[in-house]
Full PDB file with SEQRES, HELIX, SHEET, SSBOND, CRYST1, ORIGX, SCALE, CONECT and MASTER records, all heavy atoms in Angstrom:
SEQRES   1 A   34  LYS GLY TYR LYS VAL ILE THR SER ALA THR GLU ALA GLN          
SEQRES   2 A   34  GLY PHE THR PRO GLY ASN PHE ILE ALA GLY GLY SER TRP          
SEQRES   3 A   34  LEU LYS ASN THR GLY PHE PRO PHE                              
HELIX    1 AA1 ALA A    9  GLN A   13  1                                   5    
HELIX    2 AA2 PRO A   17  PHE A   20  1                                   4    
HELIX    3 AA3 GLY A   23  SER A   25  5                                   3    
HELIX    4 AA4 LEU A   27  THR A   30  5                                   4    
CRYST1    1.000    1.000    1.000  90.00  90.00  90.00 P 1           1          
ORIGX1      1.000000  0.000000  0.000000        0.00000                         
ORIGX2      0.000000  1.000000  0.000000        0.00000                         
ORIGX3      0.000000  0.000000  1.000000        0.00000                         
SCALE1      1.000000  0.000000  0.000000        0.00000                         
SCALE2      0.000000  1.000000  0.000000        0.00000                         
SCALE3      0.000000  0.000000  1.000000        0.00000                         
ATOM      1  N   LYS A   1      74.943 125.510 151.481  1.00  0.00           N  
ATOM      2  CA  LYS A   1      76.173 124.791 151.811  1.00  0.00           C  
ATOM      3  C   LYS A   1      77.204 125.727 152.440  1.00  0.00           C  
ATOM      4  O   LYS A   1      77.961 125.336 153.339  1.00  0.00           O  
ATOM      5  CB  LYS A   1      76.755 124.144 150.555  1.00  0.00           C  
ATOM      6  CG  LYS A   1      78.014 123.343 150.796  1.00  0.00           C  
ATOM      7  CD  LYS A   1      78.535 122.722 149.510  1.00  0.00           C  
ATOM      8  CE  LYS A   1      79.836 121.962 149.751  1.00  0.00           C  
ATOM      9  NZ  LYS A   1      80.365 121.363 148.495  1.00  0.00           N  
ATOM     10  N   GLY A   2      77.238 126.966 151.977  1.00  0.00           N  
ATOM     11  CA  GLY A   2      78.245 127.900 152.466  1.00  0.00           C  
ATOM     12  C   GLY A   2      77.896 128.596 153.767  1.00  0.00           C  
ATOM     13  O   GLY A   2      78.737 129.320 154.318  1.00  0.00           O  
ATOM     14  N   TYR A   3      76.678 128.410 154.269  1.00  0.00           N  
ATOM     15  CA  TYR A   3      76.273 129.074 155.524  1.00  0.00           C  
ATOM     16  C   TYR A   3      76.492 128.128 156.700  1.00  0.00           C  
ATOM     17  O   TYR A   3      76.225 126.941 156.621  1.00  0.00           O  
ATOM     18  CB  TYR A   3      74.798 129.478 155.475  1.00  0.00           C  
ATOM     19  CG  TYR A   3      74.278 129.897 156.832  1.00  0.00           C  
ATOM     20  CD1 TYR A   3      74.595 131.139 157.361  1.00  0.00           C  
ATOM     21  CD2 TYR A   3      73.512 129.030 157.620  1.00  0.00           C  
ATOM     22  CE1 TYR A   3      74.158 131.519 158.624  1.00  0.00           C  
ATOM     23  CE2 TYR A   3      73.062 129.402 158.877  1.00  0.00           C  
ATOM     24  CZ  TYR A   3      73.390 130.645 159.377  1.00  0.00           C  
ATOM     25  OH  TYR A   3      72.962 131.009 160.631  1.00  0.00           O  
ATOM     26  N   LYS A   4      76.969 128.687 157.801  1.00  0.00           N  
ATOM     27  CA  LYS A   4      77.155 127.834 158.970  1.00  0.00           C  
ATOM     28  C   LYS A   4      76.964 128.616 160.264  1.00  0.00           C  
ATOM     29  O   LYS A   4      77.291 129.808 160.358  1.00  0.00           O  
ATOM     30  CB  LYS A   4      78.543 127.179 158.939  1.00  0.00           C  
ATOM     31  CG  LYS A   4      79.696 128.146 158.944  1.00  0.00           C  
ATOM     32  CD  LYS A   4      81.025 127.477 158.555  1.00  0.00           C  
ATOM     33  CE  LYS A   4      81.367 126.294 159.431  1.00  0.00           C  
ATOM     34  NZ  LYS A   4      82.717 125.758 159.123  1.00  0.00           N  
ATOM     35  N   VAL A   5      76.441 127.924 161.245  1.00  0.00           N  
ATOM     36  CA  VAL A   5      76.376 128.455 162.597  1.00  0.00           C  
ATOM     37  C   VAL A   5      77.658 128.013 163.289  1.00  0.00           C  
ATOM     38  O   VAL A   5      77.911 126.818 163.438  1.00  0.00           O  
ATOM     39  CB  VAL A   5      75.143 127.928 163.354  1.00  0.00           C  
ATOM     40  CG1 VAL A   5      75.143 128.458 164.795  1.00  0.00           C  
ATOM     41  CG2 VAL A   5      73.865 128.329 162.636  1.00  0.00           C  
ATOM     42  N   ILE A   6      78.478 128.961 163.699  1.00  0.00           N  
ATOM     43  CA  ILE A   6      79.770 128.649 164.293  1.00  0.00           C  
ATOM     44  C   ILE A   6      79.598 128.323 165.775  1.00  0.00           C  
ATOM     45  O   ILE A   6      78.966 129.076 166.518  1.00  0.00           O  
ATOM     46  CB  ILE A   6      80.747 129.837 164.151  1.00  0.00           C  
ATOM     47  CG1 ILE A   6      80.800 130.335 162.700  1.00  0.00           C  
ATOM     48  CG2 ILE A   6      82.139 129.449 164.647  1.00  0.00           C  
ATOM     49  CD1 ILE A   6      81.250 129.331 161.704  1.00  0.00           C  
ATOM     50  N   THR A   7      80.157 127.205 166.199  1.00  0.00           N  
ATOM     51  CA  THR A   7      80.126 126.831 167.613  1.00  0.00           C  
ATOM     52  C   THR A   7      81.530 126.788 168.212  1.00  0.00           C  
ATOM     53  O   THR A   7      81.685 126.729 169.423  1.00  0.00           O  
ATOM     54  CB  THR A   7      79.462 125.455 167.794  1.00  0.00           C  
ATOM     55  OG1 THR A   7      80.172 124.481 167.005  1.00  0.00           O  
ATOM     56  CG2 THR A   7      78.002 125.494 167.342  1.00  0.00           C  
ATOM     57  N   SER A   8      82.540 126.820 167.365  1.00  0.00           N  
ATOM     58  CA  SER A   8      83.926 126.723 167.812  1.00  0.00           C  
ATOM     59  C   SER A   8      84.518 128.106 168.058  1.00  0.00           C  
ATOM     60  O   SER A   8      84.589 128.936 167.141  1.00  0.00           O  
ATOM     61  CB  SER A   8      84.760 125.979 166.765  1.00  0.00           C  
ATOM     62  OG  SER A   8      86.152 126.172 166.988  1.00  0.00           O  
ATOM     63  N   ALA A   9      84.981 128.345 169.277  1.00  0.00           N  
ATOM     64  CA  ALA A   9      85.638 129.614 169.583  1.00  0.00           C  
ATOM     65  C   ALA A   9      86.932 129.763 168.790  1.00  0.00           C  
ATOM     66  O   ALA A   9      87.322 130.875 168.408  1.00  0.00           O  
ATOM     67  CB  ALA A   9      85.927 129.698 171.076  1.00  0.00           C  
ATOM     68  N   THR A  10      87.581 128.648 168.502  1.00  0.00           N  
ATOM     69  CA  THR A  10      88.824 128.681 167.724  1.00  0.00           C  
ATOM     70  C   THR A  10      88.562 129.189 166.312  1.00  0.00           C  
ATOM     71  O   THR A  10      89.321 130.013 165.776  1.00  0.00           O  
ATOM     72  CB  THR A  10      89.462 127.282 167.657  1.00  0.00           C  
ATOM     73  OG1 THR A  10      89.732 126.829 168.989  1.00  0.00           O  
ATOM     74  CG2 THR A  10      90.750 127.315 166.852  1.00  0.00           C  
ATOM     75  N   GLU A  11      87.473 128.711 165.698  1.00  0.00           N  
ATOM     76  CA  GLU A  11      87.122 129.179 164.353  1.00  0.00           C  
ATOM     77  C   GLU A  11      86.735 130.653 164.384  1.00  0.00           C  
ATOM     78  O   GLU A  11      87.156 131.436 163.519  1.00  0.00           O  
ATOM     79  CB  GLU A  11      85.985 128.343 163.770  1.00  0.00           C  
ATOM     80  CG  GLU A  11      85.641 128.726 162.345  1.00  0.00           C  
ATOM     81  CD  GLU A  11      84.663 127.763 161.686  1.00  0.00           C  
ATOM     82  OE1 GLU A  11      84.288 126.747 162.310  1.00  0.00           O  
ATOM     83  OE2 GLU A  11      84.265 128.032 160.528  1.00  0.00           O  
ATOM     84  N   ALA A  12      85.965 131.048 165.374  1.00  0.00           N  
ATOM     85  CA  ALA A  12      85.548 132.447 165.498  1.00  0.00           C  
ATOM     86  C   ALA A  12      86.756 133.355 165.739  1.00  0.00           C  
ATOM     87  O   ALA A  12      86.802 134.494 165.254  1.00  0.00           O  
ATOM     88  CB  ALA A  12      84.543 132.604 166.624  1.00  0.00           C  
ATOM     89  N   GLN A  13      87.746 132.862 166.453  1.00  0.00           N  
ATOM     90  CA  GLN A  13      88.939 133.653 166.771  1.00  0.00           C  
ATOM     91  C   GLN A  13      89.661 134.101 165.503  1.00  0.00           C  
ATOM     92  O   GLN A  13      90.281 135.174 165.467  1.00  0.00           O  
ATOM     93  CB  GLN A  13      89.894 132.830 167.638  1.00  0.00           C  
ATOM     94  CG  GLN A  13      91.040 133.619 168.235  1.00  0.00           C  
ATOM     95  CD  GLN A  13      90.606 134.513 169.390  1.00  0.00           C  
ATOM     96  OE1 GLN A  13      89.783 134.137 170.222  1.00  0.00           O  
ATOM     97  NE2 GLN A  13      91.152 135.719 169.448  1.00  0.00           N  
ATOM     98  N   GLY A  14      89.538 133.324 164.435  1.00  0.00           N  
ATOM     99  CA  GLY A  14      90.175 133.688 163.177  1.00  0.00           C  
ATOM    100  C   GLY A  14      89.620 134.951 162.549  1.00  0.00           C  
ATOM    101  O   GLY A  14      90.257 135.544 161.673  1.00  0.00           O  
ATOM    102  N   PHE A  15      88.439 135.391 163.009  1.00  0.00           N  
ATOM    103  CA  PHE A  15      87.807 136.590 162.458  1.00  0.00           C  
ATOM    104  C   PHE A  15      87.949 137.802 163.374  1.00  0.00           C  
ATOM    105  O   PHE A  15      87.386 138.854 163.086  1.00  0.00           O  
ATOM    106  CB  PHE A  15      86.332 136.314 162.180  1.00  0.00           C  
ATOM    107  CG  PHE A  15      86.109 135.323 161.074  1.00  0.00           C  
ATOM    108  CD1 PHE A  15      85.976 133.972 161.344  1.00  0.00           C  
ATOM    109  CD2 PHE A  15      86.069 135.738 159.750  1.00  0.00           C  
ATOM    110  CE1 PHE A  15      85.791 133.055 160.315  1.00  0.00           C  
ATOM    111  CE2 PHE A  15      85.890 134.833 158.715  1.00  0.00           C  
ATOM    112  CZ  PHE A  15      85.749 133.478 158.997  1.00  0.00           C  
ATOM    113  N   THR A  16      88.683 137.671 164.437  1.00  0.00           N  
ATOM    114  CA  THR A  16      88.897 138.806 165.343  1.00  0.00           C  
ATOM    115  C   THR A  16      89.938 139.754 164.744  1.00  0.00           C  
ATOM    116  O   THR A  16      90.737 139.362 163.892  1.00  0.00           O  
ATOM    117  CB  THR A  16      89.386 138.319 166.711  1.00  0.00           C  
ATOM    118  OG1 THR A  16      90.616 137.600 166.542  1.00  0.00           O  
ATOM    119  CG2 THR A  16      88.352 137.411 167.377  1.00  0.00           C  
ATOM    120  N   PRO A  17      89.961 141.014 165.187  1.00  0.00           N  
ATOM    121  CA  PRO A  17      90.936 141.965 164.642  1.00  0.00           C  
ATOM    122  C   PRO A  17      92.382 141.500 164.750  1.00  0.00           C  
ATOM    123  O   PRO A  17      93.199 141.754 163.862  1.00  0.00           O  
ATOM    124  CB  PRO A  17      90.692 143.226 165.466  1.00  0.00           C  
ATOM    125  CG  PRO A  17      89.258 143.140 165.869  1.00  0.00           C  
ATOM    126  CD  PRO A  17      89.010 141.680 166.104  1.00  0.00           C  
ATOM    127  N   GLY A  18      92.721 140.803 165.834  1.00  0.00           N  
ATOM    128  CA  GLY A  18      94.079 140.340 166.004  1.00  0.00           C  
ATOM    129  C   GLY A  18      94.531 139.396 164.915  1.00  0.00           C  
ATOM    130  O   GLY A  18      95.702 139.395 164.516  1.00  0.00           O  
ATOM    131  N   ASN A  19      93.614 138.586 164.409  1.00  0.00           N  
ATOM    132  CA  ASN A  19      93.951 137.612 163.382  1.00  0.00           C  
ATOM    133  C   ASN A  19      93.554 138.047 161.982  1.00  0.00           C  
ATOM    134  O   ASN A  19      94.323 137.921 161.037  1.00  0.00           O  
ATOM    135  CB  ASN A  19      93.285 136.263 163.709  1.00  0.00           C  
ATOM    136  CG  ASN A  19      93.909 135.581 164.901  1.00  0.00           C  
ATOM    137  OD1 ASN A  19      95.114 135.387 164.964  1.00  0.00           O  
ATOM    138  ND2 ASN A  19      93.088 135.239 165.881  1.00  0.00           N  
ATOM    139  N   PHE A  20      92.343 138.574 161.822  1.00  0.00           N  
ATOM    140  CA  PHE A  20      91.801 138.822 160.488  1.00  0.00           C  
ATOM    141  C   PHE A  20      92.469 139.996 159.795  1.00  0.00           C  
ATOM    142  O   PHE A  20      92.649 139.986 158.569  1.00  0.00           O  
ATOM    143  CB  PHE A  20      90.286 139.057 160.587  1.00  0.00           C  
ATOM    144  CG  PHE A  20      89.571 138.897 159.275  1.00  0.00           C  
ATOM    145  CD1 PHE A  20      89.514 137.671 158.645  1.00  0.00           C  
ATOM    146  CD2 PHE A  20      88.958 139.972 158.666  1.00  0.00           C  
ATOM    147  CE1 PHE A  20      88.853 137.501 157.433  1.00  0.00           C  
ATOM    148  CE2 PHE A  20      88.293 139.829 157.459  1.00  0.00           C  
ATOM    149  CZ  PHE A  20      88.238 138.590 156.842  1.00  0.00           C  
ATOM    150  N   ILE A  21      92.842 141.026 160.554  1.00  0.00           N  
ATOM    151  CA  ILE A  21      93.496 142.199 159.946  1.00  0.00           C  
ATOM    152  C   ILE A  21      94.852 142.495 160.597  1.00  0.00           C  
ATOM    153  O   ILE A  21      95.352 143.612 160.509  1.00  0.00           O  
ATOM    154  CB  ILE A  21      92.582 143.446 160.008  1.00  0.00           C  
ATOM    155  CG1 ILE A  21      92.155 143.745 161.447  1.00  0.00           C  
ATOM    156  CG2 ILE A  21      91.377 143.281 159.096  1.00  0.00           C  
ATOM    157  CD1 ILE A  21      91.367 145.051 161.593  1.00  0.00           C  
ATOM    158  N   ALA A  22      95.450 141.455 161.227  1.00  0.00           N  
ATOM    159  CA  ALA A  22      96.759 141.618 161.875  1.00  0.00           C  
ATOM    160  C   ALA A  22      96.774 142.831 162.797  1.00  0.00           C  
ATOM    161  O   ALA A  22      97.733 143.595 162.854  1.00  0.00           O  
ATOM    162  CB  ALA A  22      97.873 141.724 160.830  1.00  0.00           C  
ATOM    163  N   GLY A  23      95.697 143.002 163.548  1.00  0.00           N  
ATOM    164  CA  GLY A  23      95.503 144.221 164.337  1.00  0.00           C  
ATOM    165  C   GLY A  23      96.539 144.477 165.406  1.00  0.00           C  
ATOM    166  O   GLY A  23      96.766 145.625 165.793  1.00  0.00           O  
ATOM    167  N   GLY A  24      97.183 143.414 165.905  1.00  0.00           N  
ATOM    168  CA  GLY A  24      98.182 143.608 166.943  1.00  0.00           C  
ATOM    169  C   GLY A  24      99.382 144.397 166.490  1.00  0.00           C  
ATOM    170  O   GLY A  24     100.112 144.954 167.309  1.00  0.00           O  
ATOM    171  N   SER A  25      99.601 144.477 165.179  1.00  0.00           N  
ATOM    172  CA  SER A  25     100.779 145.172 164.659  1.00  0.00           C  
ATOM    173  C   SER A  25     100.507 146.630 164.314  1.00  0.00           C  
ATOM    174  O   SER A  25     101.440 147.353 163.969  1.00  0.00           O  
ATOM    175  CB  SER A  25     101.316 144.446 163.421  1.00  0.00           C  
ATOM    176  OG  SER A  25     100.389 144.523 162.354  1.00  0.00           O  
ATOM    177  N   TRP A  26      99.207 147.080 164.411  1.00  0.00           N  
ATOM    178  CA  TRP A  26      98.973 148.468 163.993  1.00  0.00           C  
ATOM    179  C   TRP A  26      97.835 149.188 164.702  1.00  0.00           C  
ATOM    180  O   TRP A  26      97.840 150.424 164.763  1.00  0.00           O  
ATOM    181  CB  TRP A  26      98.732 148.522 162.480  1.00  0.00           C  
ATOM    182  CG  TRP A  26      97.491 147.839 161.978  1.00  0.00           C  
ATOM    183  CD1 TRP A  26      97.325 146.506 161.739  1.00  0.00           C  
ATOM    184  CD2 TRP A  26      96.245 148.449 161.627  1.00  0.00           C  
ATOM    185  NE1 TRP A  26      96.062 146.237 161.263  1.00  0.00           N  
ATOM    186  CE2 TRP A  26      95.381 147.424 161.175  1.00  0.00           C  
ATOM    187  CE3 TRP A  26      95.782 149.769 161.618  1.00  0.00           C  
ATOM    188  CZ2 TRP A  26      94.080 147.664 160.742  1.00  0.00           C  
ATOM    189  CZ3 TRP A  26      94.484 150.018 161.195  1.00  0.00           C  
ATOM    190  CH2 TRP A  26      93.646 148.972 160.758  1.00  0.00           C  
ATOM    191  N   LEU A  27      96.857 148.488 165.270  1.00  0.00           N  
ATOM    192  CA  LEU A  27      95.715 149.188 165.856  1.00  0.00           C  
ATOM    193  C   LEU A  27      96.111 150.047 167.055  1.00  0.00           C  
ATOM    194  O   LEU A  27      95.525 151.112 167.289  1.00  0.00           O  
ATOM    195  CB  LEU A  27      94.627 148.189 166.265  1.00  0.00           C  
ATOM    196  CG  LEU A  27      93.806 147.613 165.107  1.00  0.00           C  
ATOM    197  CD1 LEU A  27      92.797 146.587 165.623  1.00  0.00           C  
ATOM    198  CD2 LEU A  27      93.089 148.721 164.326  1.00  0.00           C  
ATOM    199  N   LYS A  28      97.125 149.616 167.806  1.00  0.00           N  
ATOM    200  CA  LYS A  28      97.580 150.412 168.947  1.00  0.00           C  
ATOM    201  C   LYS A  28      98.045 151.798 168.504  1.00  0.00           C  
ATOM    202  O   LYS A  28      97.902 152.783 169.223  1.00  0.00           O  
ATOM    203  CB  LYS A  28      98.717 149.675 169.659  1.00  0.00           C  
ATOM    204  CG  LYS A  28      99.207 150.347 170.931  1.00  0.00           C  
ATOM    205  CD  LYS A  28     100.295 149.505 171.579  1.00  0.00           C  
ATOM    206  CE  LYS A  28     100.799 150.176 172.859  1.00  0.00           C  
ATOM    207  NZ  LYS A  28     101.874 149.373 173.500  1.00  0.00           N  
ATOM    208  N   ASN A  29      98.569 151.857 167.299  1.00  0.00           N  
ATOM    209  CA  ASN A  29      99.116 153.117 166.805  1.00  0.00           C  
ATOM    210  C   ASN A  29      98.049 154.133 166.426  1.00  0.00           C  
ATOM    211  O   ASN A  29      98.368 155.308 166.205  1.00  0.00           O  
ATOM    212  CB  ASN A  29      99.995 152.845 165.567  1.00  0.00           C  
ATOM    213  CG  ASN A  29     100.965 151.707 165.795  1.00  0.00           C  
ATOM    214  OD1 ASN A  29     101.343 151.426 166.924  1.00  0.00           O  
ATOM    215  ND2 ASN A  29     101.352 151.039 164.726  1.00  0.00           N  
ATOM    216  N   THR A  30      96.812 153.707 166.301  1.00  0.00           N  
ATOM    217  CA  THR A  30      95.745 154.628 165.900  1.00  0.00           C  
ATOM    218  C   THR A  30      95.321 155.547 167.041  1.00  0.00           C  
ATOM    219  O   THR A  30      94.763 156.615 166.811  1.00  0.00           O  
ATOM    220  CB  THR A  30      94.506 153.856 165.418  1.00  0.00           C  
ATOM    221  OG1 THR A  30      93.931 153.122 166.529  1.00  0.00           O  
ATOM    222  CG2 THR A  30      94.863 152.895 164.289  1.00  0.00           C  
ATOM    223  N   GLY A  31      95.534 155.113 168.273  1.00  0.00           N  
ATOM    224  CA  GLY A  31      95.033 155.871 169.422  1.00  0.00           C  
ATOM    225  C   GLY A  31      93.565 155.611 169.683  1.00  0.00           C  
ATOM    226  O   GLY A  31      92.993 156.177 170.623  1.00  0.00           O  
ATOM    227  N   PHE A  32      92.934 154.736 168.877  1.00  0.00           N  
ATOM    228  CA  PHE A  32      91.511 154.414 169.047  1.00  0.00           C  
ATOM    229  C   PHE A  32      91.359 153.191 169.939  1.00  0.00           C  
ATOM    230  O   PHE A  32      92.264 152.349 170.002  1.00  0.00           O  
ATOM    231  CB  PHE A  32      90.865 154.126 167.691  1.00  0.00           C  
ATOM    232  CG  PHE A  32      90.908 155.255 166.711  1.00  0.00           C  
ATOM    233  CD1 PHE A  32      90.651 155.024 165.354  1.00  0.00           C  
ATOM    234  CD2 PHE A  32      91.197 156.551 167.093  1.00  0.00           C  
ATOM    235  CE1 PHE A  32      90.682 156.048 164.418  1.00  0.00           C  
ATOM    236  CE2 PHE A  32      91.236 157.603 166.177  1.00  0.00           C  
ATOM    237  CZ  PHE A  32      90.978 157.340 164.826  1.00  0.00           C  
ATOM    238  N   PRO A  33      90.208 153.030 170.601  1.00  0.00           N  
ATOM    239  CA  PRO A  33      89.975 151.813 171.371  1.00  0.00           C  
ATOM    240  C   PRO A  33      89.768 150.616 170.448  1.00  0.00           C  
ATOM    241  O   PRO A  33      89.328 150.769 169.304  1.00  0.00           O  
ATOM    242  CB  PRO A  33      88.694 152.134 172.162  1.00  0.00           C  
ATOM    243  CG  PRO A  33      87.993 153.159 171.330  1.00  0.00           C  
ATOM    244  CD  PRO A  33      89.079 153.967 170.681  1.00  0.00           C  
ATOM    245  N   PHE A  34      90.082 149.432 170.932  1.00  0.00           N  
ATOM    246  CA  PHE A  34      89.876 148.219 170.145  1.00  0.00           C  
ATOM    247  C   PHE A  34      90.046 146.997 171.050  1.00  0.00           C  
ATOM    248  O   PHE A  34      90.630 147.079 172.131  1.00  0.00           O  
ATOM    249  CB  PHE A  34      90.883 148.128 168.995  1.00  0.00           C  
ATOM    250  CG  PHE A  34      92.318 148.046 169.418  1.00  0.00           C  
ATOM    251  CD1 PHE A  34      92.930 146.826 169.662  1.00  0.00           C  
ATOM    252  CD2 PHE A  34      93.059 149.204 169.624  1.00  0.00           C  
ATOM    253  CE1 PHE A  34      94.249 146.751 170.102  1.00  0.00           C  
ATOM    254  CE2 PHE A  34      94.385 149.148 170.055  1.00  0.00           C  
ATOM    255  CZ  PHE A  34      94.985 147.899 170.299  1.00  0.00           C  
TER     256      PHE A  34                                                      
MASTER        0    0    0    4    0    0    0    6  255    1    0    3          
END                                                                             
């Protein structure tokens, strides 16, 4: 029941660094690519 094949880009977008770990507010400061 808990497994799913994702087809929605909107749902997948929630797991990107920008959303999942608020990456837009801190990843730039690392100097690393992302």
